Amino acid sequence: MEFLAEIHLLIHSIASNPKQFPMLYRDVRKAVARRFPYCIYFRERDQKIVVLAVFHSARNPAVWKQRT
């Protein structure tokens, strides 16, 4: 439940101000969770947020790039 609450807060932060998160690859941005080793990779499309992955930081980063 704590993990889901953390991810929910991060998604809310992304929705509030997506440009506060660094551009990582092309138009993909990365938001890092504080309490857990997870990141959310997302892009902004037509004033909407498209989440590409909720990704554990120890995984191979090439995996989420396949989703772009």
Foldseek 3Di string as FASTA:
>chain_A
DVVVVQVVVQVVVCLVPVVVFDQDPDQWGWDAGDPAQWIWIWGADPSDIDTQDTGRNVDDPVVSVVSD
